[in-house]
Amino acid sequence: MDYTLEVIPLPVSDLDRAKEFYETKCGFHVDIDQEVVPGVRLVQLTPPGSGCSVVLGDTVWESTPGPTPEPGSYQGLQLCVSDLKQAREELTARGLELSEPVSYADADGATFMYFTDPDGNGWSIQEYKVRAARPLREVI
């Protein structure tokens, strides 16, 4: 049996501001933006090429047990690209503020850059050059 990670709920304080940030500055595709039940709006976005999406909001945790995370409390969310320089050029052209690339070793997968969303949720972008030749999933 295969198990796929397809959606991560992401705590944000303002759905419209977060949607605009992820769509405009990060280039995520808006999959869903609708009221699913009265008073509950669902905004789901997917990074280009990804099989996993984020669902924005503060009401997505109401049906799950456990504590409700605060906006900005998620750190270490990670995107992978095969060409960090190209990704940096695309994202900065969109107006995204990124750290300078940091290389922790000479090995493939050891170079990163970082950004935060308007609430302070922290993301890294890892350069993993092997993805150019061996993507995680088949491109349709």
N, C-alpha and C. Protein backbone atom coordinates (compact mmCIF):
# COMPACT_ATOMS: atom_id res chain seq x y z
N MET A 1 0.84 -1.18 0.00
CA MET A 1 0.00 0.00 0.00
C MET A 1 0.89 1.24 0.00
N ASP A 2 0.66 2.14 -0.95
CA ASP A 2 1.37 3.41 -0.99
C ASP A 2 0.62 4.43 -0.14
N TYR A 3 1.37 5.27 0.55
CA TYR A 3 0.80 6.39 1.30
C TYR A 3 1.43 7.65 0.74
N THR A 4 0.63 8.61 0.39
CA THR A 4 1.16 9.84 -0.17
C THR A 4 0.80 11.01 0.73
N LEU A 5 1.76 11.87 0.96
CA LEU A 5 1.51 13.11 1.69
C LEU A 5 1.04 14.12 0.66
N GLU A 6 -0.21 14.57 0.77
CA GLU A 6 -0.78 15.41 -0.26
C GLU A 6 -1.22 16.78 0.21
N VAL A 7 -1.49 16.95 1.52
CA VAL A 7 -1.96 18.25 2.00
C VAL A 7 -1.37 18.53 3.38
N ILE A 8 -0.86 19.74 3.55
CA ILE A 8 -0.38 20.20 4.85
C ILE A 8 -1.19 21.44 5.23
N PRO A 9 -1.93 21.38 6.34
CA PRO A 9 -2.63 22.59 6.80
C PRO A 9 -1.60 23.58 7.35
N LEU A 10 -1.71 24.82 6.91
CA LEU A 10 -0.73 25.84 7.27
C LEU A 10 -1.43 26.98 8.01
N PRO A 11 -1.05 27.26 9.25
CA PRO A 11 -1.73 28.29 10.03
C PRO A 11 -1.36 29.71 9.56
N VAL A 12 -2.37 30.46 9.20
CA VAL A 12 -2.19 31.86 8.79
C VAL A 12 -3.25 32.72 9.47
N SER A 13 -2.98 34.00 9.58
CA SER A 13 -3.92 34.89 10.25
C SER A 13 -4.87 35.60 9.29
N ASP A 14 -4.52 35.68 8.02
CA ASP A 14 -5.33 36.40 7.04
C ASP A 14 -5.31 35.60 5.73
N LEU A 15 -6.43 34.96 5.41
CA LEU A 15 -6.50 34.11 4.22
C LEU A 15 -6.19 34.85 2.93
N ASP A 16 -6.75 36.03 2.77
CA ASP A 16 -6.53 36.77 1.52
C ASP A 16 -5.07 37.16 1.35
N ARG A 17 -4.46 37.65 2.43
CA ARG A 17 -3.05 38.05 2.36
C ARG A 17 -2.16 36.84 2.08
N ALA A 18 -2.43 35.72 2.75
CA ALA A 18 -1.63 34.51 2.55
C ALA A 18 -1.82 33.95 1.14
N LYS A 19 -3.07 33.94 0.67
CA LYS A 19 -3.33 33.44 -0.68
C LYS A 19 -2.56 34.28 -1.70
N GLU A 20 -2.63 35.58 -1.57
CA GLU A 20 -1.91 36.46 -2.51
C GLU A 20 -0.41 36.21 -2.45
N PHE A 21 0.15 36.06 -1.26
CA PHE A 21 1.58 35.80 -1.09
C PHE A 21 1.98 34.50 -1.80
N TYR A 22 1.29 33.41 -1.50
CA TYR A 22 1.68 32.12 -2.06
C TYR A 22 1.42 32.05 -3.57
N GLU A 23 0.36 32.68 -4.03
CA GLU A 23 0.06 32.66 -5.46
C GLU A 23 0.98 33.61 -6.23
N THR A 24 1.11 34.84 -5.78
CA THR A 24 1.83 35.86 -6.52
C THR A 24 3.33 35.78 -6.33
N LYS A 25 3.79 35.70 -5.10
CA LYS A 25 5.24 35.73 -4.84
C LYS A 25 5.90 34.36 -4.95
N CYS A 26 5.17 33.30 -4.57
CA CYS A 26 5.77 31.96 -4.62
C CYS A 26 5.41 31.19 -5.88
N GLY A 27 4.38 31.63 -6.58
CA GLY A 27 3.98 30.96 -7.82
C GLY A 27 3.18 29.69 -7.61
N PHE A 28 2.60 29.50 -6.41
CA PHE A 28 1.78 28.32 -6.16
C PHE A 28 0.48 28.44 -6.95
N HIS A 29 -0.05 27.31 -7.41
CA HIS A 29 -1.31 27.26 -8.14
C HIS A 29 -2.47 27.20 -7.13
N VAL A 30 -3.50 28.02 -7.34
CA VAL A 30 -4.68 27.98 -6.48
C VAL A 30 -5.58 26.85 -6.97
N ASP A 31 -5.69 25.81 -6.16
CA ASP A 31 -6.52 24.65 -6.49
C ASP A 31 -7.97 24.88 -6.07
N ILE A 32 -8.15 25.41 -4.88
CA ILE A 32 -9.48 25.61 -4.32
C ILE A 32 -9.50 26.93 -3.57
N ASP A 33 -10.54 27.70 -3.76
CA ASP A 33 -10.82 28.88 -2.95
C ASP A 33 -12.34 29.00 -2.90
N GLN A 34 -12.91 28.39 -1.88
CA GLN A 34 -14.37 28.39 -1.80
C GLN A 34 -14.82 28.16 -0.36
N GLU A 35 -16.05 28.55 -0.11
CA GLU A 35 -16.67 28.26 1.18
C GLU A 35 -17.18 26.83 1.10
N VAL A 36 -16.63 25.94 1.93
CA VAL A 36 -16.98 24.52 1.85
C VAL A 36 -18.21 24.20 2.71
N VAL A 37 -18.35 24.89 3.80
CA VAL A 37 -19.56 24.87 4.63
C VAL A 37 -19.78 26.31 5.06
N PRO A 38 -20.97 26.67 5.45
CA PRO A 38 -21.21 28.06 5.83
C PRO A 38 -20.19 28.57 6.86
N GLY A 39 -19.52 29.66 6.49
CA GLY A 39 -18.56 30.29 7.39
C GLY A 39 -17.17 29.70 7.37
N VAL A 40 -16.93 28.67 6.57
CA VAL A 40 -15.61 28.04 6.52
C VAL A 40 -15.10 28.08 5.08
N ARG A 41 -14.10 28.92 4.85
CA ARG A 41 -13.49 29.07 3.53
C ARG A 41 -12.26 28.19 3.45
N LEU A 42 -12.11 27.47 2.37
CA LEU A 42 -10.96 26.60 2.13
C LEU A 42 -10.13 27.18 1.00
N VAL A 43 -8.85 27.42 1.28
CA VAL A 43 -7.91 27.89 0.26
C VAL A 43 -6.78 26.88 0.20
N GLN A 44 -6.68 26.19 -0.92
CA GLN A 44 -5.64 25.18 -1.11
C GLN A 44 -4.79 25.56 -2.31
N LEU A 45 -3.46 25.54 -2.12
CA LEU A 45 -2.52 25.90 -3.18
C LEU A 45 -1.44 24.83 -3.29
N THR A 46 -0.91 24.66 -4.51
CA THR A 46 0.12 23.65 -4.76
C THR A 46 1.32 24.28 -5.44
N PRO A 47 2.53 24.03 -4.91
CA PRO A 47 3.73 24.51 -5.59
C PRO A 47 3.85 23.86 -6.97
N PRO A 48 4.42 24.56 -7.96
CA PRO A 48 4.57 23.97 -9.29
C PRO A 48 5.35 22.66 -9.23
N GLY A 49 4.80 21.62 -9.84
CA GLY A 49 5.47 20.33 -9.90
C GLY A 49 5.30 19.46 -8.67
N SER A 50 4.60 19.94 -7.65
CA SER A 50 4.48 19.20 -6.40
C SER A 50 3.26 18.31 -6.37
N GLY A 51 3.34 17.23 -5.63
CA GLY A 51 2.20 16.38 -5.37
C GLY A 51 1.58 16.70 -4.03
N CYS A 52 2.13 17.67 -3.32
CA CYS A 52 1.64 18.05 -2.00
C CYS A 52 1.23 19.52 -2.00
N SER A 53 0.08 19.80 -1.41
CA SER A 53 -0.47 21.15 -1.35
C SER A 53 -0.45 21.67 0.08
N VAL A 54 -0.72 22.97 0.22
CA VAL A 54 -0.97 23.55 1.53
C VAL A 54 -2.41 24.05 1.55
N VAL A 55 -3.04 23.90 2.70
CA VAL A 55 -4.37 24.44 2.94
C VAL A 55 -4.20 25.54 3.97
N LEU A 56 -4.62 26.74 3.61
CA LEU A 56 -4.44 27.89 4.48
C LEU A 56 -5.65 28.08 5.38
N GLY A 57 -5.38 28.54 6.58
CA GLY A 57 -6.50 28.93 7.40
C GLY A 57 -6.32 28.72 8.88
N ASP A 58 -7.38 29.13 9.58
CA ASP A 58 -7.40 28.95 11.02
C ASP A 58 -8.53 28.03 11.44
N THR A 59 -9.37 27.62 10.50
CA THR A 59 -10.50 26.75 10.83
C THR A 59 -10.27 25.31 10.37
N VAL A 60 -9.17 25.02 9.69
CA VAL A 60 -8.94 23.67 9.17
C VAL A 60 -8.65 22.66 10.28
N TRP A 61 -8.37 23.14 11.49
CA TRP A 61 -8.04 22.24 12.60
C TRP A 61 -9.24 21.93 13.47
N GLU A 62 -10.37 22.53 13.21
CA GLU A 62 -11.53 22.35 14.08
C GLU A 62 -12.00 20.91 14.15
N SER A 63 -11.77 20.13 13.10
CA SER A 63 -12.23 18.74 13.09
C SER A 63 -11.14 17.75 13.49
N THR A 64 -9.97 18.23 13.88
CA THR A 64 -8.88 17.32 14.26
C THR A 64 -8.56 17.49 15.75
N PRO A 65 -8.20 16.40 16.40
CA PRO A 65 -7.86 16.50 17.82
C PRO A 65 -6.51 17.16 18.02
N GLY A 66 -6.29 17.67 19.20
CA GLY A 66 -5.00 18.26 19.54
C GLY A 66 -5.03 19.77 19.50
N PRO A 67 -3.88 20.37 19.80
CA PRO A 67 -3.82 21.83 19.85
C PRO A 67 -3.91 22.47 18.47
N THR A 68 -4.37 23.68 18.44
CA THR A 68 -4.45 24.46 17.20
C THR A 68 -3.17 25.27 17.07
N PRO A 69 -2.39 25.07 16.00
CA PRO A 69 -1.15 25.82 15.84
C PRO A 69 -1.42 27.30 15.57
N GLU A 70 -0.54 28.14 16.06
CA GLU A 70 -0.64 29.57 15.86
C GLU A 70 -0.06 29.95 14.50
N PRO A 71 -0.62 30.99 13.85
CA PRO A 71 -0.01 31.48 12.61
C PRO A 71 1.46 31.81 12.85
N GLY A 72 2.30 31.39 11.93
CA GLY A 72 3.73 31.64 12.04
C GLY A 72 4.49 30.59 12.83
N SER A 73 3.79 29.57 13.34
CA SER A 73 4.45 28.58 14.19
C SER A 73 5.09 27.43 13.42
N TYR A 74 4.83 27.34 12.13
CA TYR A 74 5.44 26.26 11.34
C TYR A 74 6.80 26.72 10.81
N GLN A 75 7.79 25.92 11.07
CA GLN A 75 9.16 26.19 10.60
C GLN A 75 9.70 24.93 9.95
N GLY A 76 10.56 25.09 8.97
CA GLY A 76 11.20 23.95 8.34
C GLY A 76 10.43 23.33 7.20
N LEU A 77 9.40 24.00 6.72
CA LEU A 77 8.73 23.52 5.51
C LEU A 77 9.75 23.59 4.38
N GLN A 78 9.78 22.58 3.53
CA GLN A 78 10.87 22.50 2.56
C GLN A 78 10.39 22.21 1.16
N LEU A 79 10.89 23.01 0.23
CA LEU A 79 10.70 22.79 -1.20
C LEU A 79 12.03 22.32 -1.77
N CYS A 80 11.99 21.53 -2.83
CA CYS A 80 13.22 21.09 -3.50
C CYS A 80 13.16 21.51 -4.96
N VAL A 81 14.30 21.96 -5.47
CA VAL A 81 14.43 22.34 -6.87
C VAL A 81 15.72 21.75 -7.42
N SER A 82 15.78 21.61 -8.73
CA SER A 82 17.00 21.07 -9.35
C SER A 82 18.01 22.17 -9.65
N ASP A 83 17.57 23.45 -9.65
CA ASP A 83 18.45 24.56 -9.99
C ASP A 83 18.12 25.75 -9.08
N LEU A 84 18.90 25.92 -8.04
CA LEU A 84 18.64 26.97 -7.06
C LEU A 84 18.80 28.37 -7.65
N LYS A 85 19.77 28.53 -8.54
CA LYS A 85 19.97 29.85 -9.16
C LYS A 85 18.75 30.25 -9.97
N GLN A 86 18.24 29.33 -10.77
CA GLN A 86 17.04 29.62 -11.57
C GLN A 86 15.85 29.90 -10.66
N ALA A 87 15.67 29.10 -9.63
CA ALA A 87 14.56 29.33 -8.69
C ALA A 87 14.68 30.69 -8.03
N ARG A 88 15.89 31.06 -7.65
CA ARG A 88 16.11 32.37 -7.01
C ARG A 88 15.74 33.50 -7.97
N GLU A 89 16.15 33.38 -9.22
CA GLU A 89 15.82 34.40 -10.22
C GLU A 89 14.31 34.53 -10.42
N GLU A 90 13.63 33.39 -10.53
CA GLU A 90 12.17 33.41 -10.72
C GLU A 90 11.46 34.02 -9.51
N LEU A 91 11.85 33.59 -8.33
CA LEU A 91 11.16 34.04 -7.13
C LEU A 91 11.45 35.50 -6.78
N THR A 92 12.68 35.94 -6.96
CA THR A 92 12.97 37.35 -6.69
C THR A 92 12.29 38.25 -7.72
N ALA A 93 12.13 37.76 -8.97
CA ALA A 93 11.40 38.53 -9.98
C ALA A 93 9.93 38.67 -9.59
N ARG A 94 9.42 37.71 -8.82
CA ARG A 94 8.04 37.77 -8.33
C ARG A 94 7.92 38.67 -7.09
N GLY A 95 9.06 39.09 -6.54
CA GLY A 95 9.05 39.95 -5.36
C GLY A 95 9.24 39.22 -4.05
N LEU A 96 9.59 37.94 -4.09
CA LEU A 96 9.82 37.18 -2.86
C LEU A 96 11.18 37.52 -2.29
N GLU A 97 11.22 37.81 -1.00
CA GLU A 97 12.49 38.07 -0.31
C GLU A 97 13.06 36.75 0.17
N LEU A 98 14.26 36.42 -0.31
CA LEU A 98 14.93 35.16 0.01
C LEU A 98 16.29 35.45 0.64
N SER A 99 16.76 34.51 1.45
CA SER A 99 18.13 34.62 1.93
C SER A 99 19.08 34.33 0.78
N GLU A 100 20.32 34.65 0.97
CA GLU A 100 21.34 34.22 0.02
C GLU A 100 21.48 32.71 0.14
N PRO A 101 21.84 32.02 -0.94
CA PRO A 101 22.06 30.58 -0.82
C PRO A 101 23.16 30.25 0.19
N VAL A 102 22.93 29.18 0.94
CA VAL A 102 23.88 28.71 1.93
C VAL A 102 24.24 27.28 1.57
N SER A 103 25.54 27.01 1.40
CA SER A 103 26.00 25.67 1.08
C SER A 103 26.65 25.08 2.32
N TYR A 104 26.09 23.97 2.80
CA TYR A 104 26.60 23.33 4.01
C TYR A 104 27.65 22.26 3.73
N ALA A 105 27.74 21.82 2.47
CA ALA A 105 28.73 20.81 2.06
C ALA A 105 28.78 20.81 0.53
N ASP A 106 29.73 20.07 -0.03
CA ASP A 106 29.84 19.99 -1.48
C ASP A 106 28.85 19.01 -2.10
N ALA A 107 28.20 18.19 -1.29
CA ALA A 107 27.29 17.17 -1.80
C ALA A 107 26.01 17.76 -2.37
N ASP A 108 25.44 17.06 -3.36
CA ASP A 108 24.14 17.45 -3.90
C ASP A 108 23.12 17.41 -2.76
N GLY A 109 22.29 18.41 -2.67
CA GLY A 109 21.29 18.48 -1.61
C GLY A 109 21.73 19.26 -0.40
N ALA A 110 22.91 19.85 -0.44
CA ALA A 110 23.44 20.54 0.74
C ALA A 110 23.39 22.06 0.63
N THR A 111 22.70 22.60 -0.38
CA THR A 111 22.60 24.05 -0.55
C THR A 111 21.14 24.47 -0.42
N PHE A 112 20.93 25.53 0.37
CA PHE A 112 19.58 25.98 0.70
C PHE A 112 19.47 27.50 0.63
N MET A 113 18.25 27.98 0.47
CA MET A 113 17.93 29.39 0.73
C MET A 113 16.60 29.38 1.48
N TYR A 114 16.30 30.51 2.13
CA TYR A 114 15.19 30.53 3.08
C TYR A 114 14.29 31.75 2.87
N PHE A 115 13.01 31.59 3.24
CA PHE A 115 12.07 32.71 3.24
C PHE A 115 10.98 32.44 4.27
N THR A 116 10.24 33.48 4.60
CA THR A 116 9.09 33.33 5.49
C THR A 116 7.87 33.94 4.82
N ASP A 117 6.70 33.44 5.20
CA ASP A 117 5.45 34.03 4.71
C ASP A 117 5.10 35.22 5.59
N PRO A 118 4.03 35.96 5.27
CA PRO A 118 3.70 37.15 6.05
C PRO A 118 3.45 36.90 7.54
N ASP A 119 3.09 35.66 7.92
CA ASP A 119 2.88 35.33 9.33
C ASP A 119 4.15 34.85 10.03
N GLY A 120 5.20 34.56 9.26
CA GLY A 120 6.44 34.06 9.85
C GLY A 120 6.62 32.56 9.73
N ASN A 121 5.73 31.85 9.03
CA ASN A 121 5.98 30.43 8.77
C ASN A 121 7.24 30.33 7.93
N GLY A 122 8.17 29.46 8.33
CA GLY A 122 9.48 29.41 7.70
C GLY A 122 9.64 28.29 6.70
N TRP A 123 10.18 28.66 5.55
CA TRP A 123 10.40 27.73 4.44
C TRP A 123 11.88 27.69 4.06
N SER A 124 12.32 26.53 3.58
CA SER A 124 13.62 26.43 2.94
C SER A 124 13.42 25.90 1.54
N ILE A 125 14.34 26.25 0.66
CA ILE A 125 14.36 25.70 -0.70
C ILE A 125 15.72 25.02 -0.85
N GLN A 126 15.67 23.73 -1.09
CA GLN A 126 16.88 22.92 -1.20
C GLN A 126 17.18 22.66 -2.67
N GLU A 127 18.44 22.85 -3.04
CA GLU A 127 18.86 22.46 -4.39
C GLU A 127 19.24 21.00 -4.35
N TYR A 128 18.52 20.23 -5.15
CA TYR A 128 18.77 18.80 -5.26
C TYR A 128 18.84 18.51 -6.76
N LYS A 129 20.04 18.64 -7.32
CA LYS A 129 20.23 18.58 -8.77
C LYS A 129 19.77 17.27 -9.39
N VAL A 130 19.82 16.18 -8.64
CA VAL A 130 19.42 14.88 -9.17
C VAL A 130 17.95 14.89 -9.60
N ARG A 131 17.14 15.81 -9.08
CA ARG A 131 15.72 15.87 -9.46
C ARG A 131 15.54 16.22 -10.94
N ALA A 132 16.52 16.84 -11.56
CA ALA A 132 16.41 17.15 -12.99
C ALA A 132 16.36 15.85 -13.81
N ALA A 133 17.10 14.85 -13.39
CA ALA A 133 17.15 13.57 -14.10
C ALA A 133 16.21 12.52 -13.49
N ARG A 134 15.96 12.63 -12.18
CA ARG A 134 15.14 11.64 -11.48
C ARG A 134 14.09 12.34 -10.61
N PRO A 135 12.97 12.77 -11.21
CA PRO A 135 11.93 13.40 -10.40
C PRO A 135 11.29 12.38 -9.46
N LEU A 136 10.69 12.86 -8.39
CA LEU A 136 10.03 11.98 -7.45
C LEU A 136 8.83 11.27 -8.07
N ARG A 137 8.15 11.95 -8.96
CA ARG A 137 6.99 11.35 -9.59
C ARG A 137 6.99 11.65 -11.07
N GLU A 138 6.30 10.81 -11.80
CA GLU A 138 6.21 10.96 -13.25
C GLU A 138 5.45 12.24 -13.60
N VAL A 139 5.98 13.01 -14.53
CA VAL A 139 5.31 14.21 -14.99
C VAL A 139 4.27 13.83 -16.03
N ILE A 140 3.05 14.29 -15.83
CA ILE A 140 1.96 13.93 -16.74
C ILE A 140 1.73 15.04 -17.74
